[in-house]
Protein backbone atom coordinates (compact mmCIF):
# COMPACT_ATOMS: atom_id res chain seq x y z
CA MET A 1 -11.01 32.74 -46.64
CA ASN A 2 -12.34 29.35 -47.79
CA HIS A 3 -8.88 27.90 -47.33
CA ILE A 4 -8.86 29.10 -43.75
CA ARG A 5 -12.33 27.81 -43.10
CA HIS A 6 -11.48 24.52 -44.50
CA ALA A 7 -8.40 24.35 -42.40
CA ALA A 8 -10.21 25.48 -39.17
CA PHE A 9 -12.84 22.67 -39.77
CA LEU A 10 -10.28 19.86 -40.07
CA VAL A 11 -8.19 21.11 -37.02
CA ALA A 12 -11.88 20.95 -34.76
CA ALA A 13 -12.37 17.83 -36.32
CA GLY A 14 -9.03 16.58 -35.42
CA LEU A 15 -9.47 17.66 -31.73
CA CYS A 16 -13.00 16.06 -31.65
CA ALA A 17 -11.65 12.81 -32.72
CA ALA A 18 -8.62 12.34 -30.54
CA PRO A 19 -9.43 12.39 -26.90
CA ALA A 20 -7.19 13.62 -24.18
CA ALA A 21 -4.84 10.69 -22.90
CA ALA A 22 -3.58 9.65 -19.97
CA GLN A 23 -0.20 10.71 -18.24
CA GLN A 24 0.34 7.95 -16.05
CA PRO A 25 2.10 8.79 -12.59
CA THR A 26 5.48 7.09 -12.13
CA LEU A 27 5.58 4.97 -9.15
CA THR A 28 8.74 5.56 -7.30
CA SER A 29 8.32 3.46 -4.41
CA ARG A 30 5.75 0.98 -2.47
CA LEU A 31 5.67 -0.57 0.87
CA SER A 32 3.14 -3.35 1.71
CA SER A 33 2.88 -4.73 4.93
CA VAL A 34 0.73 -7.54 5.90
CA VAL A 35 0.58 -9.01 9.34
CA GLY A 36 -1.54 -11.28 11.35
CA SER A 37 -1.29 -13.48 14.36
CA PHE A 38 -3.10 -15.40 16.82
CA LEU A 39 -2.48 -17.51 20.12
CA VAL A 40 -4.25 -19.37 22.74
CA GLY A 41 -2.90 -21.74 25.68
CA TYR A 42 -1.83 -22.57 28.89
CA SER A 43 1.26 -24.38 30.08
CA THR A 44 2.31 -26.84 27.49
CA LEU A 45 -1.06 -27.13 25.66
CA GLY A 46 -1.54 -24.19 22.99
CA ASP A 47 -2.02 -23.29 19.36
CA GLY A 48 -1.10 -20.52 17.40
CA GLY A 49 -0.42 -19.18 14.07
CA SER A 50 1.05 -16.25 12.11
CA PHE A 51 1.74 -14.42 8.72
CA ASN A 52 4.28 -11.55 8.28
CA GLU A 53 5.12 -10.08 4.89
CA THR A 54 6.72 -6.83 3.74
CA LEU A 55 7.15 -6.21 0.06
CA ASN A 56 8.72 -3.04 -1.69
CA THR A 57 8.69 -4.09 -5.50
CA LEU A 58 7.01 -1.73 -8.02
CA ASP A 59 4.34 -4.07 -9.04
CA ALA A 60 1.23 -2.30 -10.99
CA ALA A 61 -1.14 -4.76 -8.86
CA PHE A 62 -1.00 -6.70 -5.65
CA SER A 63 -3.25 -8.91 -3.69
CA ARG A 64 -2.95 -10.72 -0.42
CA ASN A 65 -5.75 -12.51 1.51
CA GLU A 66 -4.48 -14.39 4.57
CA ALA A 67 -6.15 -16.15 7.49
CA ASP A 68 -5.79 -18.52 10.45
CA ALA A 69 -7.55 -19.72 13.44
CA GLY A 70 -7.13 -22.54 16.14
CA GLY A 71 -8.19 -23.53 19.61
CA VAL A 72 -7.39 -25.73 22.50
CA ASP A 73 -9.76 -28.10 24.39
CA GLY A 74 -8.31 -30.10 27.08
CA PHE A 75 -6.39 -30.74 30.12
CA VAL A 76 -2.67 -29.92 31.64
CA GLY A 77 -2.78 -32.36 34.43
CA SER A 78 -6.28 -31.86 36.06
CA THR A 79 -6.55 -28.03 34.94
CA PRO A 80 -9.20 -27.43 32.07
CA VAL A 81 -7.74 -25.57 29.39
CA GLN A 82 -10.15 -23.83 26.47
CA GLY A 83 -10.15 -21.32 24.09
CA ASN A 84 -9.83 -20.16 20.53
CA ALA A 85 -8.65 -17.34 18.42
CA SER A 86 -8.30 -16.06 14.68
CA PHE A 87 -7.27 -13.38 12.17
CA ALA A 88 -8.03 -12.56 8.87
CA VAL A 89 -6.13 -9.91 6.84
CA THR A 90 -6.29 -8.38 3.27
CA GLN A 91 -4.52 -6.19 1.15
CA ASP A 92 -5.34 -5.12 -2.65
CA TYR A 93 -4.14 -2.30 -4.79
CA ALA A 94 -3.98 -1.64 -8.74
CA ILE A 95 -2.55 1.14 -10.83
CA THR A 96 -3.86 1.97 -14.26
CA PRO A 97 -3.32 5.36 -16.12
CA LEU A 98 -6.21 6.97 -14.74
CA LEU A 99 -6.80 5.05 -11.25
CA PHE A 100 -5.26 4.00 -8.22
CA SER A 101 -7.55 1.79 -6.24
CA ALA A 102 -6.25 0.47 -2.73
CA SER A 103 -7.80 -1.43 0.21
CA GLY A 104 -6.99 -3.24 3.39
CA THR A 105 -9.00 -5.06 5.93
CA GLY A 106 -8.20 -6.65 9.36
CA ALA A 107 -10.31 -8.72 11.84
CA THR A 108 -9.43 -10.65 14.99
CA SER A 109 -11.43 -12.80 17.30
CA ALA A 110 -10.30 -14.38 20.72
CA ASP A 111 -12.20 -16.02 23.72
CA THR A 112 -11.74 -18.12 26.55
CA PRO A 113 -13.78 -18.93 29.67
CA TYR A 114 -10.69 -19.20 32.27
CA THR A 115 -8.55 -16.09 33.48
CA TYR A 116 -5.46 -18.27 33.51
CA VAL A 117 -5.46 -19.13 29.59
CA SER A 118 -3.69 -16.76 27.44
CA VAL A 119 -5.50 -15.58 23.98
CA GLY A 120 -4.52 -13.09 21.61
CA ALA A 121 -4.67 -11.92 18.02
CA GLN A 122 -3.86 -9.04 15.87
CA THR A 123 -3.75 -7.90 12.41
CA ILE A 124 -1.67 -4.91 10.50
CA SER A 125 -2.66 -4.13 6.96
CA GLN A 126 -0.62 -1.18 5.65
CA LEU A 127 0.08 0.18 2.19
CA ARG A 128 2.13 3.31 1.06
CA LEU A 129 2.59 4.33 -2.64
CA ARG A 130 5.00 7.05 -3.63
CA PHE A 131 4.54 8.51 -7.18
CA THR A 132 5.24 11.65 -9.34
CA VAL A 133 3.67 13.12 -12.20
CA ALA A 134 5.30 14.78 -15.49
CA VAL A 135 2.25 17.36 -16.27
CA PRO A 136 -0.08 19.02 -13.82
CA THR A 137 -2.69 16.43 -13.11
CA PRO A 138 -6.20 17.01 -11.64
CA TYR A 139 -7.12 14.35 -9.00
CA VAL A 140 -10.24 13.36 -7.00
CA LEU A 141 -9.56 10.93 -4.01
CA THR A 142 -12.40 9.23 -2.36
CA GLY A 143 -12.81 6.46 0.00
CA GLU A 144 -13.67 5.16 3.43
CA VAL A 145 -12.22 4.13 6.76
CA THR A 146 -14.08 2.02 9.42
CA HIS A 147 -13.18 0.13 12.60
CA SER A 148 -15.36 -1.58 15.33
CA ILE A 149 -14.60 -3.01 18.62
CA GLY A 150 -16.18 -6.37 20.11
CA ALA A 151 -16.74 -7.92 23.37
CA PRO A 152 -13.48 -7.53 26.00
CA VAL A 153 -11.50 -10.69 26.82
CA LEU A 154 -10.78 -11.62 30.35
CA GLY A 155 -10.63 -7.82 31.17
CA LEU A 156 -8.93 -6.88 28.16
CA THR A 157 -10.21 -4.47 26.01
CA PRO A 158 -10.05 -4.87 21.83
CA THR A 159 -8.49 -2.33 20.02
CA ALA A 160 -8.97 -1.01 16.09
CA SER A 161 -7.98 1.58 14.01
CA ALA A 162 -8.02 2.71 10.38
CA PHE A 163 -6.45 5.63 8.67
CA ALA A 164 -6.08 7.05 4.89
CA ARG A 165 -3.58 9.54 4.00
CA LEU A 166 -2.35 11.56 0.87
CA VAL A 167 0.60 14.17 0.98
CA GLY A 168 3.01 15.65 -1.19
CA SER A 169 6.26 17.00 -0.41
CA PRO A 170 7.99 19.31 0.06
CA GLY A 171 5.55 21.30 1.26
CA GLY A 172 2.32 19.70 0.39
CA GLY A 173 2.60 20.18 -3.57
CA GLY A 174 -1.29 20.64 -3.38
CA ALA A 175 -2.29 17.49 -1.95
CA TRP A 176 -3.23 17.04 1.80
CA LEU A 177 -5.79 14.61 3.55
CA SER A 178 -5.33 12.71 6.45
CA THR A 179 -8.53 11.01 8.42
CA SER A 180 -9.03 8.17 10.87
CA THR A 181 -12.57 9.36 11.65
CA PRO A 182 -14.89 6.62 10.62
CA GLY A 183 -17.07 7.33 7.52
CA ALA A 184 -16.54 8.33 3.92
CA PHE A 185 -14.20 11.02 2.90
CA THR A 186 -13.49 13.06 -0.42
CA THR A 187 -10.75 15.41 -1.52
CA SER A 188 -9.25 16.68 -4.89
CA GLY A 189 -7.06 18.83 -6.40
CA THR A 190 -4.08 19.14 -9.02
CA PHE A 191 -0.75 17.18 -8.76
CA MET A 192 2.24 19.14 -9.95
CA PRO A 193 5.56 18.03 -11.38
CA GLY A 194 8.62 18.29 -9.08
CA PHE A 195 6.65 16.94 -5.98
CA THR A 196 6.58 13.39 -4.60
CA TYR A 197 3.28 12.30 -3.52
CA GLU A 198 2.29 9.53 -1.16
CA LEU A 199 -0.92 7.71 -0.83
CA GLU A 200 -1.16 5.39 2.43
CA GLY A 201 -3.69 3.47 4.19
CA ARG A 202 -3.64 1.54 7.16
CA ALA A 203 -5.92 -1.20 9.22
CA ASN A 204 -5.13 -2.46 12.71
CA SER A 205 -7.14 -4.98 14.96
CA ASN A 206 -6.25 -6.66 18.14
CA LEU A 207 -8.33 -9.07 19.96
CA ASN A 208 -12.27 -8.84 19.24
CA ALA A 209 -12.16 -6.16 16.53
CA SER A 210 -12.11 -5.29 12.72
CA SER A 211 -10.86 -2.28 10.42
CA ARG A 212 -10.91 -1.46 6.93
CA PHE A 213 -9.57 1.34 4.65
CA ALA A 214 -10.40 1.78 0.96
CA MET A 215 -9.27 4.42 -1.36
CA ASN A 216 -10.08 5.43 -5.18
CA LEU A 217 -7.73 8.15 -6.50
CA VAL A 218 -9.28 9.10 -9.93
CA LEU A 219 -6.97 11.11 -12.23
CA SER A 220 -8.19 13.44 -15.10
CA PRO A 221 -6.97 13.11 -18.79
CA VAL A 222 -4.06 15.40 -19.66
CA PRO A 223 -4.11 16.49 -23.26
CA GLU A 224 -0.68 15.42 -25.05
CA PRO A 225 1.92 17.97 -26.21
CA ALA A 226 0.61 17.32 -29.94
CA GLN A 227 -3.12 17.92 -29.01
CA VAL A 228 -2.18 21.08 -27.31
CA ALA A 229 -0.15 22.34 -30.46
CA LEU A 230 -3.22 21.27 -32.69
CA LEU A 231 -5.59 23.03 -30.23
CA ALA A 232 -3.36 26.57 -30.63
CA LEU A 233 -3.27 26.16 -34.40
CA GLY A 234 -7.06 25.68 -34.36
CA LEU A 235 -7.35 28.83 -32.25
CA GLY A 236 -5.28 30.74 -34.71
CA LEU A 237 -6.82 29.67 -37.72
CA LEU A 238 -10.51 30.83 -36.24
CA ALA A 239 -8.69 34.26 -34.95
CA ALA A 240 -7.45 34.83 -38.64
CA ARG A 241 -10.83 33.95 -39.92
CA ARG A 242 -12.67 36.49 -37.70
CA GLY A 243 -10.03 38.94 -38.91
CA LEU A 244 -10.77 38.28 -42.78
CA ARG A 245 -14.68 38.84 -41.88
CA ARG A 246 -14.16 42.19 -40.35
CA GLU A 247 -12.33 43.21 -43.49
């Protein structure tokens, strides 16, 4: 019985010394769209700028921060021309064994005192990550979506929107969240092998507006197969020890 007690103690010590390891999800596809543009002018006097990038490489981290602004202040013949516009758009994400973090923002402005001057500005920050897991993996997803609208421009109403989404296919796969309601959100569950999961965020703004999404997907450590076998061995030894005690 001393030998069994000693062996059970060693197994228990090994379990305490070896923490659960992370089973990192496999990223299968990624789509990043970062778009911004502005325009202001009348006839032959104008200014504008734009940025448009779409990427689908399987990088573990990505960051983009783009902004531009301009304006006009002059005459076309005897007609005064004034106005300004701007955009700023960002996107970031990072993937580690236990955390997916992602965010995107957009902000635009536009103004002119003259109804005949054209002004415009827009942004889009969209991120879509698809991944799979090799073992059942508990998760907690937290985040926030926000958007705000400023003053109208020449009777045009600014627009803004943001949303966050987590879904598994086929049939959900134990994961579902979709929200565009401003404020914080949280959901939890377990990712399962055999499903493809999609984490998506999008923020849009137009004219005088801003929007943002932010998400943190935290994964729980999953024991390695060797640890599971070690645990089973330890439980077996402890059961044998109890049986000897009864005798």
